[in-house]
């Protein structure tokens, strides 16, 4: 008999599914104190948690029989993934369970801001009958722009088309065929979409690529009277730019379910609520009975499959039963992931093709290394956990072509990982190696030989190899109190084109990047966070 312990509240239907399964004994203790959990966890084969229960190294040290950790939700921040992986314990989550709930909340905010539903309600409650005051706008015939055409974005598109809206989308990681099936016009450049739309809705994860994606420059492109909806993640829209464009009257209405800081500071709420057509909710996209039931059912089904040794769809980690193999390839997996993370930020457009090479002794472990590269790329672009188990499948689903090459021959280094990505005609290259004592190094960026440690904040730029360029960059960074921690240079020949990499102590704000872009000798500049 296998034992399952439920340590946080889940919907009854999930508990019923587990109890109905032959060979499984269920203990439902949704309020169990952590100290008590430490005492009894040794007797269980699986635990199911939400966010309340910390699944720490201390807990896992005592979990002698544990095979599966089921997280009823998407986030797994409360689970020590590395420790679980070392012990061969599967960590499972439930992505997509709240898709419909988040979709319908988006539609609620859309309808509120075009038909003044929230304001009309308040008016009635306050004893007024202001029919003429609440003249609205119809969704029919309007152009909707969607950033992120994943699960939720796609469902919003379907419903928007049912309203008679014209739908466009920007998502560089979605195959064009998917957009065509949905009847959505997929654009290659965000700016191309922003200048045409009447309403913008966001359904993308918060990553280095999407942080402040909608800022002053993007608002300037939009039509006057645009509506803005964000039920995805706070921080994708710059707060100051949003307030500024509400003040200007550029934005006609705003619907927000998410905020840069949650709960949002009173100062922000006071500022945004000065404007009448603002519809706010406290991050409740998943707060439907159906969504919570879906979460419970999916986590129960996945735990049952895992305990039976069947294929599990939503695995968050990769168990390594042989710790000697883990110790051998772990630094190479980390290097591979950082190369992928570097490339997805270094590339200006969405990556469509990935060519991965692994040479030297690591060639025999090529497939997890290849998957780690894809994990680094995809982790920055999707709103659910990606790992070396599912990365290859996620890449295929996103229409990314992957080519793989491995060889025990590595002329320059003992071990060598090289990745080439292609995006709408452009090509980017990053290669790296692991030196003795597990020291990670990037040794090539595009055509330039370099020697940099792939961590922290990197300011990467191409420039004409002439005197004074570094001085100009340093002056701008100094003006904004951004400290330089290190500098590396790669060039093909004197007086040609050079590649510079600055290590920064803190991220350069958007104003700095804008000023750097105005240096005439700079051909390209990008901030990469690893």
Protein backbone atom coordinates (compact mmCIF):
# COMPACT_ATOMS: atom_id res chain seq x y z
CA UNK A 1 0.00 0.00 0.00
CA UNK A 2 1.41 3.39 -1.05
CA UNK A 3 0.69 6.36 1.17
CA UNK A 4 -0.13 9.91 -0.01
CA UNK A 5 -0.15 12.87 2.38
CA UNK A 6 -2.02 16.06 1.44
CA UNK A 7 -0.47 18.96 3.38
CA UNK A 8 -2.46 21.91 1.97
CA UNK A 9 -6.13 22.35 1.05
CA UNK A 10 -7.14 21.06 -2.41
CA UNK A 11 -10.62 20.70 -3.94
CA UNK A 12 -12.54 17.59 -2.74
CA UNK A 13 -12.66 16.04 -6.23
CA UNK A 14 -8.88 15.59 -6.21
CA UNK A 15 -9.00 13.89 -2.80
CA UNK A 16 -11.80 11.61 -4.04
CA UNK A 17 -9.78 10.57 -7.10
CA UNK A 18 -6.85 9.56 -4.91
CA UNK A 19 -9.03 7.65 -2.45
CA UNK A 20 -10.76 5.77 -5.26
CA UNK A 21 -7.44 4.44 -6.57
CA UNK A 22 -6.66 0.88 -5.53
CA UNK A 23 -3.38 0.47 -3.67
CA UNK A 24 -3.23 4.10 -2.45
CA UNK A 25 -3.94 5.20 1.11
CA UNK A 26 -4.71 8.92 1.51
CA UNK A 27 -4.06 11.08 4.58
CA UNK A 28 -5.68 14.51 4.19
CA UNK A 29 -4.00 16.90 6.66
CA UNK A 30 -4.35 20.34 5.03
CA UNK A 31 -3.39 22.29 8.17
CA UNK A 32 -0.56 20.08 9.43
CA UNK A 33 2.17 22.07 11.25
CA UNK A 34 5.63 21.82 9.71
CA UNK A 35 7.19 20.33 12.87
CA UNK A 36 4.60 17.56 12.88
CA UNK A 37 5.15 16.98 9.16
CA UNK A 38 8.87 16.46 9.82
CA UNK A 39 8.02 13.67 12.24
CA UNK A 40 5.69 11.68 9.96
CA UNK A 41 6.98 12.33 6.40
CA UNK A 42 9.24 9.23 6.57
CA UNK A 43 6.14 7.02 6.18
CA UNK A 44 4.86 8.51 2.90
CA UNK A 45 5.49 7.78 -0.78
CA UNK A 46 3.98 11.04 -2.03
CA UNK A 47 3.00 14.43 -0.67
CA UNK A 48 0.70 17.00 -2.26
CA UNK A 49 1.21 20.66 -1.35
CA UNK A 50 0.25 24.15 -2.36
CA UNK A 51 2.32 27.18 -1.35
CA UNK A 52 1.89 26.87 2.44
CA UNK A 53 4.18 23.87 2.95
CA UNK A 54 7.94 24.39 2.51
CA UNK A 55 9.48 21.24 1.01
CA UNK A 56 13.00 21.89 2.26
CA UNK A 57 16.24 19.87 2.45
CA UNK A 58 15.45 19.23 6.12
CA UNK A 59 12.11 17.69 5.14
CA UNK A 60 13.60 15.66 2.28
CA UNK A 61 16.36 14.34 4.56
CA UNK A 62 13.63 12.67 6.62
CA UNK A 63 11.48 11.51 3.68
CA UNK A 64 12.88 7.98 3.44
CA UNK A 65 10.15 6.61 1.13
CA UNK A 66 9.21 9.74 -0.81
CA UNK A 67 8.94 9.25 -4.58
CA UNK A 68 6.67 12.13 -5.66
CA UNK A 69 5.99 15.74 -4.66
CA UNK A 70 2.79 17.08 -6.22
CA UNK A 71 2.44 20.88 -6.30
CA UNK A 72 -1.20 21.88 -6.77
CA UNK A 73 -0.42 24.98 -8.85
CA UNK A 74 2.19 26.25 -11.29
CA UNK A 75 4.82 27.83 -9.03
CA UNK A 76 7.28 25.55 -7.22
CA UNK A 77 9.24 28.17 -5.27
CA UNK A 78 8.48 26.37 -2.01
CA UNK A 79 10.10 23.12 -3.20
CA UNK A 80 13.87 22.47 -3.12
CA UNK A 81 14.08 21.14 -6.68
CA UNK A 82 17.81 20.35 -6.58
CA UNK A 83 17.56 18.27 -3.42
CA UNK A 84 14.52 16.40 -4.77
CA UNK A 85 16.34 15.70 -8.04
CA UNK A 86 19.42 14.30 -6.26
CA UNK A 87 17.18 11.85 -4.42
CA UNK A 88 15.34 10.80 -7.58
CA UNK A 89 12.07 12.35 -6.34
CA UNK A 90 9.71 13.59 -9.04
CA UNK A 91 8.28 17.09 -8.61
CA UNK A 92 5.00 17.59 -10.44
CA UNK A 93 2.91 20.74 -11.00
CA UNK A 94 -0.30 21.71 -12.80
CA UNK A 95 0.28 24.25 -15.61
CA UNK A 96 -2.73 25.35 -17.62
CA UNK A 97 -5.31 24.46 -14.98
CA UNK A 98 -6.40 28.09 -14.61
CA UNK A 99 -6.43 28.94 -18.34
CA UNK A 100 -10.17 29.54 -18.61
CA UNK A 101 -10.36 31.44 -15.32
CA UNK A 102 -7.62 33.85 -16.40
CA UNK A 103 -9.13 34.16 -19.89
CA UNK A 104 -12.56 35.10 -18.59
CA UNK A 105 -11.11 37.57 -16.08
CA UNK A 106 -9.37 39.27 -19.01
CA UNK A 107 -12.71 39.54 -20.82
CA UNK A 108 -14.28 40.96 -17.65
CA UNK A 109 -11.72 43.77 -17.52
CA UNK A 110 -12.06 44.38 -21.26
CA UNK A 111 -15.81 44.80 -20.97
CA UNK A 112 -15.51 46.91 -17.83
CA UNK A 113 -13.26 49.49 -19.44
CA UNK A 114 -15.17 49.78 -22.73
CA UNK A 115 -18.68 49.78 -21.18
CA UNK A 116 -17.92 51.41 -17.80
CA UNK A 117 -19.42 48.47 -15.91
CA UNK A 118 -17.41 49.06 -12.74
CA UNK A 119 -18.13 52.80 -12.71
CA UNK A 120 -21.85 52.35 -13.40
CA UNK A 121 -22.06 49.88 -10.50
CA UNK A 122 -20.43 52.35 -8.11
CA UNK A 123 -22.80 55.05 -9.30
CA UNK A 124 -25.88 52.96 -8.49
CA UNK A 125 -24.48 52.00 -5.07
CA UNK A 126 -23.95 55.70 -4.33
CA UNK A 127 -27.62 56.43 -5.14
CA UNK A 128 -27.11 58.10 -8.54
CA UNK A 129 -28.77 57.41 -11.89
CA UNK A 130 -26.18 58.71 -14.39
CA UNK A 131 -27.27 56.99 -17.60
CA UNK A 132 -25.86 59.65 -19.94
CA UNK A 133 -22.53 59.69 -18.13
CA UNK A 134 -21.72 56.08 -19.01
CA UNK A 135 -21.60 56.18 -22.78
CA UNK A 136 -19.42 53.23 -23.83
CA UNK A 137 -17.61 51.72 -26.78
CA UNK A 138 -18.29 48.37 -28.47
CA UNK A 139 -15.67 45.66 -28.85
CA UNK A 140 -17.15 44.78 -32.23
CA UNK A 141 -14.92 45.91 -35.08
CA UNK A 142 -12.08 47.01 -32.82
CA UNK A 143 -8.48 45.77 -33.18
CA UNK A 144 -7.09 43.76 -30.28
CA UNK A 145 -3.35 43.23 -29.84
CA UNK A 146 -2.19 40.25 -27.78
CA UNK A 147 1.33 39.89 -26.40
CA UNK A 148 1.83 36.17 -25.81
CA UNK A 149 -0.21 33.65 -27.80
CA UNK A 150 0.21 30.72 -25.39
CA UNK A 151 -2.62 28.89 -23.62
CA UNK A 152 -4.37 31.96 -22.20
CA UNK A 153 -3.57 34.32 -25.07
CA UNK A 154 -5.00 31.82 -27.54
CA UNK A 155 -8.24 31.47 -25.57
CA UNK A 156 -8.58 35.25 -25.34
CA UNK A 157 -8.11 35.44 -29.12
CA UNK A 158 -10.91 32.92 -29.72
CA UNK A 159 -13.34 34.84 -27.54
CA UNK A 160 -12.33 38.22 -28.91
CA UNK A 161 -13.04 37.00 -32.44
CA UNK A 162 -16.47 35.87 -31.22
CA UNK A 163 -17.07 39.52 -30.25
CA UNK A 164 -16.23 40.49 -33.83
CA UNK A 165 -12.83 41.94 -33.01
CA UNK A 166 -9.84 41.95 -35.37
CA UNK A 167 -7.04 40.14 -33.54
CA UNK A 168 -3.29 40.57 -33.91
CA UNK A 169 -0.57 38.97 -31.81
CA UNK A 170 3.11 39.32 -31.06
CA UNK A 171 4.84 36.16 -29.86
CA UNK A 172 8.21 35.34 -31.42
CA UNK A 173 8.11 31.82 -29.94
CA UNK A 174 4.85 30.65 -31.49
CA UNK A 175 4.71 28.96 -34.92
CA UNK A 176 2.91 30.98 -37.56
CA UNK A 177 0.70 27.96 -38.30
CA UNK A 178 -0.87 28.18 -34.84
CA UNK A 179 -1.82 31.83 -35.35
CA UNK A 180 -3.29 31.00 -38.75
CA UNK A 181 -5.42 28.23 -37.22
CA UNK A 182 -6.76 30.75 -34.71
CA UNK A 183 -7.43 33.34 -37.41
CA UNK A 184 -4.93 35.72 -35.78
CA UNK A 185 -2.48 37.96 -37.61
CA UNK A 186 0.97 37.22 -36.15
CA UNK A 187 3.44 40.10 -36.46
CA UNK A 188 7.24 39.92 -36.43
CA UNK A 189 7.77 43.22 -34.61
CA UNK A 190 5.91 44.47 -31.55
CA UNK A 191 5.91 48.04 -32.89
CA UNK A 192 4.09 46.88 -36.02
CA UNK A 193 1.18 45.72 -33.86
CA UNK A 194 1.15 48.60 -31.37
CA UNK A 195 0.54 51.27 -33.99
CA UNK A 196 -2.64 49.56 -35.25
CA UNK A 197 -4.51 48.34 -32.19
CA UNK A 198 -7.39 49.84 -30.19
CA UNK A 199 -6.77 47.59 -27.19
CA UNK A 200 -3.73 45.75 -25.82
CA UNK A 201 -3.85 42.67 -23.60
CA UNK A 202 -0.81 40.89 -22.16
CA UNK A 203 -0.40 37.14 -21.63
CA UNK A 204 3.35 36.64 -21.30
CA UNK A 205 5.65 35.68 -18.41
CA UNK A 206 7.78 38.28 -16.66
CA UNK A 207 11.36 37.73 -17.85
CA UNK A 208 14.36 39.90 -18.64
CA UNK A 209 12.98 40.08 -22.17
CA UNK A 210 9.49 41.23 -21.15
CA UNK A 211 10.30 43.42 -18.14
CA UNK A 212 9.18 46.99 -19.00
CA UNK A 213 8.31 45.74 -22.49
CA UNK A 214 5.62 48.43 -22.61
CA UNK A 215 7.35 51.67 -21.70
CA UNK A 216 7.29 55.31 -22.84
CA UNK A 217 8.53 54.54 -26.35
CA UNK A 218 5.86 51.87 -26.89
CA UNK A 219 3.04 54.12 -25.66
CA UNK A 220 4.15 56.82 -28.09
CA UNK A 221 3.56 54.40 -30.97
CA UNK A 222 -0.01 53.58 -29.91
CA UNK A 223 -3.15 55.39 -31.02
CA UNK A 224 -4.72 57.99 -28.76
CA UNK A 225 -7.54 56.44 -26.73
CA UNK A 226 -6.02 52.95 -26.47
CA UNK A 227 -7.21 50.51 -23.78
CA UNK A 228 -4.65 48.51 -21.75
CA UNK A 229 -5.35 45.16 -20.04
CA UNK A 230 -2.85 43.14 -17.99
CA UNK A 231 -3.89 39.90 -16.30
CA UNK A 232 -0.49 38.20 -16.76
CA UNK A 233 2.38 39.57 -14.68
CA UNK A 234 3.15 42.94 -13.14
CA UNK A 235 6.31 44.64 -14.36
CA UNK A 236 5.72 44.03 -18.06
CA UNK A 237 4.14 47.49 -18.25
CA UNK A 238 6.26 50.25 -16.75
CA UNK A 239 4.19 51.81 -13.93
CA UNK A 240 5.43 55.37 -14.42
CA UNK A 241 4.82 55.26 -18.16
CA UNK A 242 1.30 53.92 -17.56
CA UNK A 243 0.42 56.73 -15.13
CA UNK A 244 2.00 59.35 -17.39
CA UNK A 245 -0.07 58.25 -20.39
CA UNK A 246 -3.26 58.16 -18.33
CA UNK A 247 -2.51 61.77 -17.36
CA UNK A 248 -1.99 62.72 -21.00
CA UNK A 249 -5.27 61.09 -22.00
CA UNK A 250 -3.42 58.76 -24.36
CA UNK A 251 -4.92 55.77 -22.52
CA UNK A 252 -8.71 55.66 -22.37
CA UNK A 253 -9.03 52.77 -19.91
CA UNK A 254 -6.94 50.32 -17.91
CA UNK A 255 -7.75 46.88 -16.49
CA UNK A 256 -5.20 45.31 -14.12
CA UNK A 257 -5.22 42.05 -12.19
CA UNK A 258 -1.45 42.08 -11.56
CA UNK A 259 1.01 44.63 -10.22
CA UNK A 260 4.77 45.21 -10.08
CA UNK A 261 4.59 44.77 -6.31
CA UNK A 262 1.84 42.68 -4.75
CA UNK A 263 -0.05 43.86 -2.87
CA UNK A 264 0.50 47.18 -4.65
CA UNK A 265 1.68 50.14 -2.54
CA UNK A 266 -1.05 52.56 -1.46
CA UNK A 267 0.78 55.34 -3.29
CA UNK A 268 0.37 53.55 -6.64
CA UNK A 269 -3.30 52.77 -6.01
CA UNK A 270 -4.01 56.37 -5.00
CA UNK A 271 -2.31 57.65 -8.17
CA UNK A 272 -4.01 55.29 -10.62
CA UNK A 273 -7.43 55.65 -9.02
CA UNK A 274 -7.40 59.39 -9.79
CA UNK A 275 -8.49 58.27 -13.26
CA UNK A 276 -12.08 57.19 -13.58
CA UNK A 277 -11.83 54.37 -16.12
CA UNK A 278 -9.57 51.99 -14.20
CA UNK A 279 -10.70 48.44 -13.39
CA UNK A 280 -8.61 46.65 -10.74
CA UNK A 281 -8.62 43.19 -9.13
CA UNK A 282 -6.24 41.51 -6.63
CA UNK A 283 -4.53 38.84 -8.81
CA UNK A 284 -7.59 36.58 -8.97
CA UNK A 285 -7.15 35.00 -12.41
CA UNK A 286 -7.12 31.48 -10.94
CA UNK A 287 -9.82 32.18 -8.34
CA UNK A 288 -12.67 30.16 -9.77
CA UNK A 289 -14.15 26.98 -8.34
CA UNK A 290 -13.53 25.32 -11.68
CA UNK A 291 -9.86 26.33 -11.79
CA UNK A 292 -9.25 25.08 -8.27
CA UNK A 293 -11.01 21.82 -9.07
CA UNK A 294 -8.92 21.44 -12.22
CA UNK A 295 -5.75 21.95 -10.17
CA UNK A 296 -6.81 19.28 -7.68
CA UNK A 297 -7.83 16.78 -10.36
CA UNK A 298 -4.66 17.25 -12.42
CA UNK A 299 -2.30 16.94 -9.45
CA UNK A 300 -4.14 13.83 -8.25
CA UNK A 301 -4.00 12.21 -11.70
CA UNK A 302 -0.30 13.01 -12.07
CA UNK A 303 0.60 11.63 -8.62
CA UNK A 304 -1.31 8.42 -9.35
CA UNK A 305 0.55 7.98 -12.64
CA UNK A 306 3.90 8.62 -11.00
CA UNK A 307 3.27 6.10 -8.23
CA UNK A 308 2.30 3.52 -10.86
CA UNK A 309 5.45 4.19 -12.87
CA UNK A 310 3.50 5.62 -15.82
CA UNK A 311 4.46 8.63 -17.97
CA UNK A 312 3.81 11.92 -16.19
CA UNK A 313 3.19 14.99 -18.36
CA UNK A 314 4.00 17.81 -15.93
CA UNK A 315 7.35 16.95 -14.37
CA UNK A 316 9.25 19.98 -13.06
CA UNK A 317 12.59 18.33 -12.35
CA UNK A 318 14.95 15.67 -13.65
CA UNK A 319 15.82 12.94 -11.16
CA UNK A 320 19.43 11.70 -11.20
CA UNK A 321 19.55 8.26 -9.59
CA UNK A 322 23.34 8.05 -10.16
CA UNK A 323 24.94 10.92 -8.22
CA UNK A 324 28.34 10.23 -9.80
CA UNK A 325 26.88 11.13 -13.19
CA UNK A 326 25.30 14.25 -11.68
CA UNK A 327 28.60 15.44 -10.24
CA UNK A 328 30.25 14.90 -13.62
CA UNK A 329 27.81 16.82 -15.81
CA UNK A 330 26.20 19.29 -13.38
CA UNK A 331 28.54 22.22 -14.23
CA UNK A 332 28.07 21.50 -17.95
CA UNK A 333 24.29 21.53 -17.52
CA UNK A 334 24.61 24.90 -15.77
CA UNK A 335 26.84 26.24 -18.56
CA UNK A 336 24.45 24.97 -21.23
CA UNK A 337 21.48 26.63 -19.52
CA UNK A 338 23.32 29.95 -19.17
CA UNK A 339 24.33 29.86 -22.84
CA UNK A 340 20.66 29.40 -23.74
CA UNK A 341 19.64 32.22 -21.39
CA UNK A 342 22.33 34.49 -22.88
CA UNK A 343 21.22 33.78 -26.45
CA UNK A 344 17.52 34.43 -25.89
CA UNK A 345 18.43 37.91 -24.60
CA UNK A 346 21.23 38.52 -27.14
CA UNK A 347 18.95 37.72 -30.09
CA UNK A 348 16.77 40.63 -31.14
CA UNK A 349 14.01 38.47 -32.61
CA UNK A 350 12.29 35.23 -31.59
CA UNK A 351 14.50 32.16 -31.98
CA UNK A 352 13.27 29.79 -34.70
CA UNK A 353 16.25 27.41 -35.06
CA UNK A 354 18.80 26.09 -32.56
CA UNK A 355 21.97 24.17 -33.49
CA UNK A 356 23.69 22.58 -30.46
CA UNK A 357 27.15 21.01 -30.38
CA UNK A 358 28.75 19.15 -27.47
CA UNK A 359 32.35 18.03 -27.88
CA UNK A 360 34.83 16.14 -25.72
CA UNK A 361 34.15 13.87 -22.75
CA UNK A 362 30.67 15.36 -22.27
CA UNK A 363 29.54 14.11 -25.70
CA UNK A 364 28.26 10.87 -24.10
CA UNK A 365 25.87 12.98 -21.99
CA UNK A 366 24.78 15.07 -24.93
CA UNK A 367 20.98 14.82 -24.63
CA UNK A 368 20.61 16.33 -21.14
CA UNK A 369 23.09 19.06 -22.15
CA UNK A 370 21.07 19.83 -25.30
CA UNK A 371 17.90 19.92 -23.21
CA UNK A 372 19.59 22.28 -20.73
CA UNK A 373 20.34 24.72 -23.59
CA UNK A 374 16.68 24.62 -24.60
CA UNK A 375 15.64 25.06 -20.97
CA UNK A 376 17.72 28.26 -20.80
CA UNK A 377 16.08 29.58 -23.96
CA UNK A 378 12.52 28.59 -23.15
CA UNK A 379 12.53 29.50 -19.46
CA UNK A 380 12.69 33.16 -20.52
CA UNK A 381 9.73 32.85 -22.89
CA UNK A 382 6.97 30.69 -21.36
CA UNK A 383 4.80 31.10 -18.27
CA UNK A 384 5.23 27.59 -16.86
CA UNK A 385 8.26 25.66 -15.54
CA UNK A 386 10.61 24.21 -18.18
CA UNK A 387 13.14 21.51 -17.31
CA UNK A 388 15.50 19.14 -19.09
CA UNK A 389 12.75 16.53 -19.26
CA UNK A 390 10.14 18.64 -21.06
CA UNK A 391 12.35 21.24 -22.80
CA UNK A 392 12.66 19.26 -26.05
CA UNK A 393 8.89 18.76 -26.23
CA UNK A 394 8.17 22.42 -25.43
CA UNK A 395 10.61 23.52 -28.17
CA UNK A 396 8.87 21.27 -30.68
CA UNK A 397 5.45 22.59 -29.63
CA UNK A 398 6.73 26.14 -30.14
CA UNK A 399 7.87 25.33 -33.66
CA UNK A 400 11.59 25.66 -32.87
CA UNK A 401 13.78 23.53 -35.12
CA UNK A 402 16.57 21.83 -33.16
CA UNK A 403 19.71 20.32 -34.70
CA UNK A 404 22.15 18.36 -32.53
CA UNK A 405 25.78 17.33 -33.00
CA UNK A 406 28.10 15.51 -30.59
CA UNK A 407 31.68 14.38 -30.95
CA UNK A 408 34.42 13.21 -28.61
CA UNK A 409 36.83 15.38 -30.61
CA UNK A 410 37.37 18.80 -28.98
CA UNK A 411 40.51 20.43 -30.45
CA UNK A 412 40.72 23.57 -28.28
CA UNK A 413 39.19 22.50 -24.97
CA UNK A 414 38.69 19.33 -22.97
CA UNK A 415 34.94 19.92 -23.20
CA UNK A 416 33.12 22.41 -25.40
CA UNK A 417 29.49 23.50 -25.89
CA UNK A 418 28.55 25.64 -28.88
CA UNK A 419 25.08 26.93 -29.71
CA UNK A 420 23.97 28.71 -32.89
CA UNK A 421 20.49 30.26 -33.02
CA UNK A 422 18.66 31.73 -35.99
CA UNK A 423 15.87 34.27 -35.77
CA UNK A 424 14.23 35.79 -38.86
CA UNK A 425 17.41 35.77 -40.92
CA UNK A 426 19.83 36.77 -38.14
CA UNK A 427 22.28 34.35 -36.55
CA UNK A 428 23.88 34.44 -33.12
CA UNK A 429 26.60 32.18 -31.70
CA UNK A 430 27.74 31.51 -28.13
CA UNK A 431 30.23 28.83 -27.06
CA UNK A 432 31.61 27.91 -23.66
CA UNK A 433 33.63 25.46 -21.65
CA UNK A 434 34.08 24.30 -18.06
CA UNK A 435 37.61 24.71 -16.71
CA UNK A 436 39.08 22.91 -13.74
CA UNK A 437 37.34 23.34 -10.37
CA UNK A 438 34.03 23.75 -12.21
CA UNK A 439 34.78 27.28 -13.48
CA UNK A 440 32.34 28.25 -16.24
CA UNK A 441 33.52 30.33 -19.17
CA UNK A 442 32.00 31.75 -22.35
CA UNK A 443 34.79 31.68 -24.95
CA UNK A 444 32.99 32.84 -28.09
CA UNK A 445 30.23 35.34 -28.86
CA UNK A 446 29.34 35.47 -32.55
CA UNK A 447 32.65 35.72 -34.43
CA UNK A 448 34.63 37.06 -31.48
CA UNK A 449 36.91 35.14 -29.12
CA UNK A 450 36.24 36.19 -25.52
CA UNK A 451 36.85 34.97 -21.98
CA UNK A 452 33.99 35.87 -19.65
CA UNK A 453 32.28 34.35 -16.65
CA UNK A 454 28.60 33.81 -17.52
CA UNK A 455 26.96 35.31 -14.47
CA UNK A 456 25.53 38.56 -13.20
CA UNK A 457 24.71 41.58 -15.36
CA UNK A 458 26.55 41.92 -18.66
CA UNK A 459 26.46 44.92 -20.98
CA UNK A 460 27.34 43.52 -24.41
CA UNK A 461 28.01 45.80 -27.37
CA UNK A 462 29.51 45.87 -30.85
CA UNK A 463 31.41 49.00 -31.77
CA UNK A 464 33.80 50.52 -34.28
CA UNK A 465 37.28 49.87 -32.94
CA UNK A 466 38.29 53.51 -32.51
CA UNK A 467 39.59 55.43 -29.47
CA UNK A 468 37.15 56.93 -26.97
CA UNK A 469 34.23 54.49 -27.18
CA UNK A 470 34.74 52.95 -23.74
CA UNK A 471 35.16 56.43 -22.27
CA UNK A 472 31.79 57.53 -23.65
CA UNK A 473 30.09 54.42 -22.29
CA UNK A 474 31.75 54.87 -18.90
CA UNK A 475 30.67 58.52 -18.71
CA UNK A 476 27.01 57.62 -19.31
CA UNK A 477 27.09 54.80 -16.77
CA UNK A 478 28.80 57.08 -14.25
CA UNK A 479 26.19 59.79 -14.80
CA UNK A 480 23.51 57.33 -13.65
CA UNK A 481 25.63 55.82 -10.83
CA UNK A 482 25.94 52.41 -12.55
CA UNK A 483 29.23 50.86 -11.45
CA UNK A 484 31.47 48.82 -13.78
CA UNK A 485 32.88 45.66 -12.14
CA UNK A 486 34.91 44.36 -15.08
CA UNK A 487 35.63 44.66 -18.80
CA UNK A 488 36.47 42.22 -21.60
CA UNK A 489 37.15 42.92 -25.26
CA UNK A 490 37.14 40.74 -28.36
CA UNK A 491 38.04 41.88 -31.86
CA UNK A 492 38.98 40.43 -35.21
CA UNK A 493 41.58 43.03 -36.11
CA UNK A 494 42.77 46.47 -35.08
CA UNK A 495 40.56 49.24 -36.44
CA UNK A 496 37.74 46.86 -37.39
CA UNK A 497 34.65 45.93 -35.38
CA UNK A 498 35.05 44.97 -31.73
CA UNK A 499 32.84 43.27 -29.15
CA UNK A 500 32.90 44.65 -25.62
CA UNK A 501 31.48 43.11 -22.45
CA UNK A 502 31.12 45.11 -19.24
CA UNK A 503 30.25 43.44 -15.93
CA UNK A 504 27.87 45.78 -14.05
CA UNK A 505 27.09 45.82 -10.34
CA UNK A 506 23.45 46.66 -11.02
CA UNK A 507 21.11 46.74 -14.01
CA UNK A 508 21.31 49.81 -16.21
CA UNK A 509 17.90 51.57 -16.26
CA UNK A 510 16.07 52.18 -19.57
CA UNK A 511 17.32 55.80 -19.75
CA UNK A 512 20.90 54.55 -19.75
CA UNK A 513 20.25 52.05 -22.54
CA UNK A 514 18.57 54.80 -24.56
CA UNK A 515 21.56 57.13 -24.16
CA UNK A 516 24.02 54.35 -24.98
CA UNK A 517 22.08 53.67 -28.17
CA UNK A 518 22.83 57.26 -29.23
CA UNK A 519 26.61 56.76 -29.26
CA UNK A 520 27.45 56.86 -32.99
CA UNK A 521 30.31 54.35 -32.75
CA UNK A 522 28.07 51.70 -31.16
CA UNK A 523 26.48 49.34 -33.69
CA UNK A 524 24.54 47.27 -31.16
CA UNK A 525 24.13 47.25 -27.37
CA UNK A 526 22.22 44.83 -25.17
CA UNK A 527 21.97 44.14 -21.45
CA UNK A 528 22.06 40.44 -20.55
CA UNK A 529 21.18 39.18 -17.07
CA UNK A 530 22.40 35.70 -16.13
